[in-house]
Amino acid sequence: MSFFDELRTLGVDIDGGLKRLNGNEKLYTRLFGTFVKTIKANAIDMDFDAADLTPVIEKAHAIKGTAGNMSITPLYESYNEILTLLRTGKPEEARQLLQDVQQVQEDIMSCIEKNIG
């Protein structure tokens, strides 16, 4: 199974992502490396301080934006909902959703790291 096919099985909209880049597979593949760096730089600690959500919102926003640009739909949709919950004063619900999406995020990251280093 190819790298893109593996990502498709994880819910990534490869066709949508390629369309945004005029079909440039090399660039799209390279951008997945940037995505990994974004996730690592913006990792959200599950024990975040519910009294000061600003850093958590900023990290979730960065991940959501990058996932959206890359058409990594499951992460985009989850982080979009996490942001909504955080911004509406529901940090515990956001924490639960964050916990729920972790396995999907790890699977996508593992696939990327396995295929592009």
N, C-alpha and C. Protein backbone atom coordinates (compact mmCIF):
# COMPACT_ATOMS: atom_id res chain seq x y z
N MET A 1 0.85 -1.18 0.00
CA MET A 1 0.00 0.00 0.00
C MET A 1 0.90 1.24 0.00
N SER A 2 0.53 2.21 -0.83
CA SER A 2 1.34 3.43 -0.92
C SER A 2 1.09 4.33 0.29
N PHE A 3 1.98 5.27 0.46
CA PHE A 3 1.87 6.26 1.55
C PHE A 3 0.51 6.95 1.50
N PHE A 4 0.13 7.46 0.34
CA PHE A 4 -1.14 8.17 0.23
C PHE A 4 -2.32 7.23 0.49
N ASP A 5 -2.22 5.99 0.03
CA ASP A 5 -3.30 5.03 0.30
C ASP A 5 -3.44 4.75 1.80
N GLU A 6 -2.30 4.64 2.48
CA GLU A 6 -2.34 4.43 3.94
C GLU A 6 -3.03 5.61 4.63
N LEU A 7 -2.68 6.82 4.20
CA LEU A 7 -3.30 8.00 4.80
C LEU A 7 -4.79 8.05 4.50
N ARG A 8 -5.17 7.63 3.31
CA ARG A 8 -6.61 7.58 2.98
C ARG A 8 -7.36 6.68 3.96
N THR A 9 -6.76 5.53 4.30
CA THR A 9 -7.44 4.61 5.24
C THR A 9 -7.59 5.24 6.62
N LEU A 10 -6.79 6.27 6.91
CA LEU A 10 -6.87 6.96 8.19
C LEU A 10 -7.77 8.20 8.13
N GLY A 11 -8.42 8.40 6.99
CA GLY A 11 -9.38 9.49 6.85
C GLY A 11 -8.84 10.77 6.24
N VAL A 12 -7.60 10.74 5.76
CA VAL A 12 -7.01 11.94 5.16
C VAL A 12 -7.55 12.09 3.74
N ASP A 13 -7.99 13.29 3.39
CA ASP A 13 -8.52 13.58 2.06
C ASP A 13 -7.36 13.93 1.12
N ILE A 14 -6.68 12.89 0.66
CA ILE A 14 -5.50 13.08 -0.19
C ILE A 14 -5.87 13.85 -1.45
N ASP A 15 -6.98 13.50 -2.09
CA ASP A 15 -7.37 14.19 -3.33
C ASP A 15 -7.60 15.68 -3.09
N GLY A 16 -8.24 16.01 -1.98
CA GLY A 16 -8.45 17.42 -1.64
C GLY A 16 -7.15 18.15 -1.38
N GLY A 17 -6.25 17.49 -0.65
CA GLY A 17 -4.95 18.09 -0.38
C GLY A 17 -4.14 18.32 -1.64
N LEU A 18 -4.14 17.33 -2.52
CA LEU A 18 -3.41 17.47 -3.79
C LEU A 18 -4.02 18.56 -4.67
N LYS A 19 -5.34 18.67 -4.64
CA LYS A 19 -6.00 19.70 -5.43
C LYS A 19 -5.54 21.09 -4.99
N ARG A 20 -5.39 21.28 -3.68
CA ARG A 20 -4.92 22.58 -3.16
C ARG A 20 -3.52 22.93 -3.67
N LEU A 21 -2.76 21.87 -4.01
CA LEU A 21 -1.38 22.08 -4.44
C LEU A 21 -1.20 21.79 -5.93
N ASN A 22 -2.27 21.89 -6.67
CA ASN A 22 -2.25 21.65 -8.12
C ASN A 22 -1.64 20.30 -8.48
N GLY A 23 -1.90 19.30 -7.65
CA GLY A 23 -1.44 17.94 -7.94
C GLY A 23 0.02 17.67 -7.65
N ASN A 24 0.70 18.59 -6.98
CA ASN A 24 2.14 18.45 -6.73
C ASN A 24 2.37 17.46 -5.58
N GLU A 25 2.56 16.18 -5.92
CA GLU A 25 2.73 15.13 -4.93
C GLU A 25 4.00 15.30 -4.10
N LYS A 26 5.08 15.76 -4.74
CA LYS A 26 6.34 15.97 -4.01
C LYS A 26 6.17 17.01 -2.91
N LEU A 27 5.54 18.11 -3.25
CA LEU A 27 5.33 19.18 -2.28
C LEU A 27 4.40 18.70 -1.16
N TYR A 28 3.35 18.02 -1.53
CA TYR A 28 2.39 17.52 -0.53
C TYR A 28 3.08 16.56 0.44
N THR A 29 3.90 15.67 -0.11
CA THR A 29 4.65 14.73 0.74
C THR A 29 5.57 15.50 1.68
N ARG A 30 6.26 16.49 1.17
CA ARG A 30 7.18 17.30 1.99
C ARG A 30 6.41 18.04 3.10
N LEU A 31 5.23 18.51 2.78
CA LEU A 31 4.44 19.24 3.76
C LEU A 31 3.99 18.35 4.92
N PHE A 32 3.89 17.05 4.69
CA PHE A 32 3.55 16.16 5.79
C PHE A 32 4.66 16.18 6.85
N GLY A 33 5.90 16.37 6.42
CA GLY A 33 7.00 16.53 7.38
C GLY A 33 6.82 17.78 8.22
N THR A 34 6.36 18.85 7.60
CA THR A 34 6.08 20.09 8.32
C THR A 34 4.93 19.88 9.29
N PHE A 35 3.95 19.11 8.88
CA PHE A 35 2.82 18.81 9.75
C PHE A 35 3.28 18.12 11.03
N VAL A 36 4.18 17.14 10.90
CA VAL A 36 4.71 16.43 12.07
C VAL A 36 5.37 17.42 13.01
N LYS A 37 6.15 18.34 12.47
CA LYS A 37 6.82 19.34 13.31
C LYS A 37 5.80 20.23 14.02
N THR A 38 4.73 20.60 13.32
CA THR A 38 3.68 21.43 13.93
C THR A 38 3.02 20.71 15.09
N ILE A 39 2.71 19.44 14.89
CA ILE A 39 2.08 18.66 15.96
C ILE A 39 3.01 18.58 17.17
N LYS A 40 4.27 18.29 16.93
CA LYS A 40 5.22 18.16 18.04
C LYS A 40 5.43 19.48 18.76
N ALA A 41 5.49 20.57 18.01
CA ALA A 41 5.72 21.88 18.61
C ALA A 41 4.49 22.39 19.38
N ASN A 42 3.32 21.86 19.04
CA ASN A 42 2.08 22.34 19.64
C ASN A 42 1.35 21.26 20.43
N ALA A 43 2.08 20.27 20.88
CA ALA A 43 1.46 19.19 21.65
C ALA A 43 0.76 19.78 22.87
N ILE A 44 -0.45 19.32 23.09
CA ILE A 44 -1.25 19.83 24.21
C ILE A 44 -1.20 18.81 25.34
N ASP A 45 -0.76 19.27 26.49
CA ASP A 45 -0.72 18.43 27.68
C ASP A 45 -2.15 18.20 28.16
N MET A 46 -2.49 16.96 28.40
CA MET A 46 -3.85 16.62 28.85
C MET A 46 -4.20 17.28 30.18
N ASP A 47 -3.19 17.61 30.95
CA ASP A 47 -3.41 18.25 32.25
C ASP A 47 -3.35 19.77 32.14
N PHE A 48 -3.82 20.31 31.02
CA PHE A 48 -3.75 21.77 30.84
C PHE A 48 -4.56 22.49 31.92
N ASP A 49 -4.14 23.72 32.17
CA ASP A 49 -4.75 24.55 33.20
C ASP A 49 -6.06 25.14 32.67
N ALA A 50 -7.17 24.68 33.20
CA ALA A 50 -8.48 25.16 32.75
C ALA A 50 -8.71 26.62 33.10
N ALA A 51 -7.90 27.17 34.01
CA ALA A 51 -8.04 28.57 34.40
C ALA A 51 -7.38 29.51 33.38
N ASP A 52 -6.42 28.99 32.61
CA ASP A 52 -5.74 29.80 31.59
C ASP A 52 -5.69 29.00 30.30
N LEU A 53 -6.70 29.18 29.48
CA LEU A 53 -6.83 28.39 28.26
C LEU A 53 -6.12 28.99 27.06
N THR A 54 -5.58 30.19 27.21
CA THR A 54 -4.96 30.86 26.06
C THR A 54 -3.90 30.00 25.38
N PRO A 55 -2.93 29.41 26.10
CA PRO A 55 -1.91 28.61 25.41
C PRO A 55 -2.51 27.37 24.72
N VAL A 56 -3.50 26.78 25.34
CA VAL A 56 -4.14 25.59 24.76
C VAL A 56 -4.90 25.97 23.49
N ILE A 57 -5.59 27.08 23.53
CA ILE A 57 -6.33 27.56 22.35
C ILE A 57 -5.36 27.85 21.22
N GLU A 58 -4.24 28.48 21.51
CA GLU A 58 -3.26 28.80 20.47
C GLU A 58 -2.69 27.53 19.83
N LYS A 59 -2.39 26.54 20.65
CA LYS A 59 -1.85 25.28 20.12
C LYS A 59 -2.90 24.54 19.30
N ALA A 60 -4.11 24.46 19.82
CA ALA A 60 -5.19 23.78 19.09
C ALA A 60 -5.47 24.49 17.75
N HIS A 61 -5.40 25.81 17.78
CA HIS A 61 -5.63 26.58 16.55
C HIS A 61 -4.56 26.29 15.51
N ALA A 62 -3.31 26.20 15.93
CA ALA A 62 -2.20 25.90 15.01
C ALA A 62 -2.38 24.52 14.39
N ILE A 63 -2.74 23.55 15.20
CA ILE A 63 -2.93 22.18 14.69
C ILE A 63 -4.12 22.14 13.74
N LYS A 64 -5.22 22.77 14.14
CA LYS A 64 -6.41 22.80 13.29
C LYS A 64 -6.10 23.41 11.93
N GLY A 65 -5.41 24.53 11.93
CA GLY A 65 -5.08 25.22 10.68
C GLY A 65 -4.21 24.38 9.76
N THR A 66 -3.19 23.77 10.33
CA THR A 66 -2.30 22.95 9.53
C THR A 66 -3.03 21.71 9.02
N ALA A 67 -3.81 21.08 9.88
CA ALA A 67 -4.58 19.90 9.46
C ALA A 67 -5.57 20.26 8.36
N GLY A 68 -6.20 21.41 8.47
CA GLY A 68 -7.14 21.85 7.45
C GLY A 68 -6.46 22.10 6.12
N ASN A 69 -5.34 22.78 6.16
CA ASN A 69 -4.60 23.07 4.93
C ASN A 69 -4.11 21.80 4.24
N MET A 70 -3.83 20.78 5.04
CA MET A 70 -3.32 19.51 4.50
C MET A 70 -4.44 18.52 4.19
N SER A 71 -5.68 18.88 4.48
CA SER A 71 -6.84 18.00 4.30
C SER A 71 -6.76 16.75 5.17
N ILE A 72 -6.22 16.93 6.37
CA ILE A 72 -6.17 15.84 7.35
C ILE A 72 -7.47 15.97 8.15
N THR A 73 -8.53 15.55 7.51
CA THR A 73 -9.90 15.80 7.94
C THR A 73 -10.21 15.36 9.38
N PRO A 74 -9.82 14.15 9.80
CA PRO A 74 -10.21 13.76 11.17
C PRO A 74 -9.62 14.69 12.23
N LEU A 75 -8.40 15.14 12.02
CA LEU A 75 -7.78 16.04 12.99
C LEU A 75 -8.34 17.45 12.87
N TYR A 76 -8.56 17.89 11.65
CA TYR A 76 -9.15 19.22 11.45
C TYR A 76 -10.50 19.31 12.17
N GLU A 77 -11.36 18.33 11.93
CA GLU A 77 -12.69 18.36 12.52
C GLU A 77 -12.64 18.28 14.04
N SER A 78 -11.78 17.41 14.56
CA SER A 78 -11.68 17.27 16.02
C SER A 78 -11.14 18.53 16.68
N TYR A 79 -10.07 19.10 16.11
CA TYR A 79 -9.50 20.31 16.71
C TYR A 79 -10.43 21.51 16.53
N ASN A 80 -11.21 21.52 15.48
CA ASN A 80 -12.21 22.58 15.33
C ASN A 80 -13.22 22.51 16.47
N GLU A 81 -13.67 21.30 16.78
CA GLU A 81 -14.61 21.12 17.88
C GLU A 81 -13.95 21.42 19.24
N ILE A 82 -12.71 21.01 19.39
CA ILE A 82 -11.98 21.29 20.64
C ILE A 82 -11.89 22.80 20.85
N LEU A 83 -11.58 23.54 19.80
CA LEU A 83 -11.51 25.00 19.90
C LEU A 83 -12.85 25.59 20.30
N THR A 84 -13.91 25.11 19.71
CA THR A 84 -15.24 25.61 20.05
C THR A 84 -15.53 25.37 21.53
N LEU A 85 -15.22 24.18 22.01
CA LEU A 85 -15.45 23.87 23.42
C LEU A 85 -14.61 24.76 24.33
N LEU A 86 -13.35 24.95 23.98
CA LEU A 86 -12.48 25.80 24.79
C LEU A 86 -12.98 27.24 24.82
N ARG A 87 -13.38 27.73 23.67
CA ARG A 87 -13.81 29.12 23.56
C ARG A 87 -15.17 29.37 24.21
N THR A 88 -15.92 28.31 24.45
CA THR A 88 -17.23 28.47 25.08
C THR A 88 -17.21 28.00 26.53
N GLY A 89 -16.02 27.92 27.11
CA GLY A 89 -15.89 27.61 28.52
C GLY A 89 -16.21 26.19 28.91
N LYS A 90 -15.86 25.25 28.04
CA LYS A 90 -16.11 23.83 28.33
C LYS A 90 -14.80 23.04 28.26
N PRO A 91 -13.83 23.39 29.12
CA PRO A 91 -12.51 22.75 29.04
C PRO A 91 -12.52 21.24 29.30
N GLU A 92 -13.41 20.77 30.16
CA GLU A 92 -13.43 19.32 30.45
C GLU A 92 -13.93 18.53 29.25
N GLU A 93 -14.91 19.08 28.55
CA GLU A 93 -15.38 18.42 27.33
C GLU A 93 -14.29 18.45 26.25
N ALA A 94 -13.57 19.57 26.18
CA ALA A 94 -12.46 19.68 25.22
C ALA A 94 -11.37 18.67 25.56
N ARG A 95 -11.09 18.52 26.84
CA ARG A 95 -10.08 17.57 27.29
C ARG A 95 -10.47 16.14 26.88
N GLN A 96 -11.74 15.81 27.03
CA GLN A 96 -12.21 14.47 26.66
C GLN A 96 -12.08 14.24 25.15
N LEU A 97 -12.45 15.22 24.37
CA LEU A 97 -12.33 15.10 22.91
C LEU A 97 -10.87 15.00 22.50
N LEU A 98 -10.03 15.77 23.16
CA LEU A 98 -8.59 15.71 22.90
C LEU A 98 -8.06 14.30 23.19
N GLN A 99 -8.51 13.74 24.28
CA GLN A 99 -8.10 12.37 24.62
C GLN A 99 -8.62 11.38 23.57
N ASP A 100 -9.85 11.58 23.12
CA ASP A 100 -10.45 10.69 22.13
C ASP A 100 -9.72 10.72 20.79
N VAL A 101 -9.19 11.87 20.40
CA VAL A 101 -8.56 12.01 19.09
C VAL A 101 -7.08 11.59 19.11
N GLN A 102 -6.53 11.37 20.28
CA GLN A 102 -5.10 11.06 20.38
C GLN A 102 -4.69 9.83 19.57
N GLN A 103 -5.48 8.77 19.59
CA GLN A 103 -5.09 7.56 18.86
C GLN A 103 -5.08 7.80 17.36
N VAL A 104 -6.06 8.52 16.86
CA VAL A 104 -6.10 8.84 15.43
C VAL A 104 -4.88 9.69 15.07
N GLN A 105 -4.59 10.68 15.91
CA GLN A 105 -3.43 11.55 15.67
C GLN A 105 -2.14 10.73 15.68
N GLU A 106 -2.00 9.84 16.63
CA GLU A 106 -0.79 8.99 16.70
C GLU A 106 -0.68 8.09 15.49
N ASP A 107 -1.80 7.54 15.02
CA ASP A 107 -1.79 6.68 13.84
C ASP A 107 -1.34 7.45 12.61
N ILE A 108 -1.85 8.66 12.44
CA ILE A 108 -1.48 9.49 11.29
C ILE A 108 0.00 9.87 11.38
N MET A 109 0.43 10.29 12.56
CA MET A 109 1.84 10.66 12.75
C MET A 109 2.76 9.47 12.47
N SER A 110 2.38 8.31 12.97
CA SER A 110 3.18 7.11 12.76
C SER A 110 3.30 6.77 11.28
N CYS A 111 2.20 6.87 10.57
CA CYS A 111 2.20 6.62 9.13
C CYS A 111 3.14 7.58 8.41
N ILE A 112 3.05 8.86 8.75
CA ILE A 112 3.90 9.87 8.11
C ILE A 112 5.37 9.59 8.43
N GLU A 113 5.68 9.39 9.69
CA GLU A 113 7.08 9.18 10.08
C GLU A 113 7.65 7.90 9.48
N LYS A 114 6.84 6.87 9.36
CA LYS A 114 7.28 5.61 8.77
C LYS A 114 7.60 5.79 7.28
N ASN A 115 6.83 6.62 6.60
CA ASN A 115 6.97 6.75 5.15
C ASN A 115 7.90 7.86 4.69
N ILE A 116 8.04 8.92 5.47
CA ILE A 116 8.90 10.00 4.99
C ILE A 116 10.01 10.36 5.98
N GLY A 117 10.08 9.65 7.07
CA GLY A 117 11.17 9.87 8.01
C GLY A 117 10.98 10.87 9.03
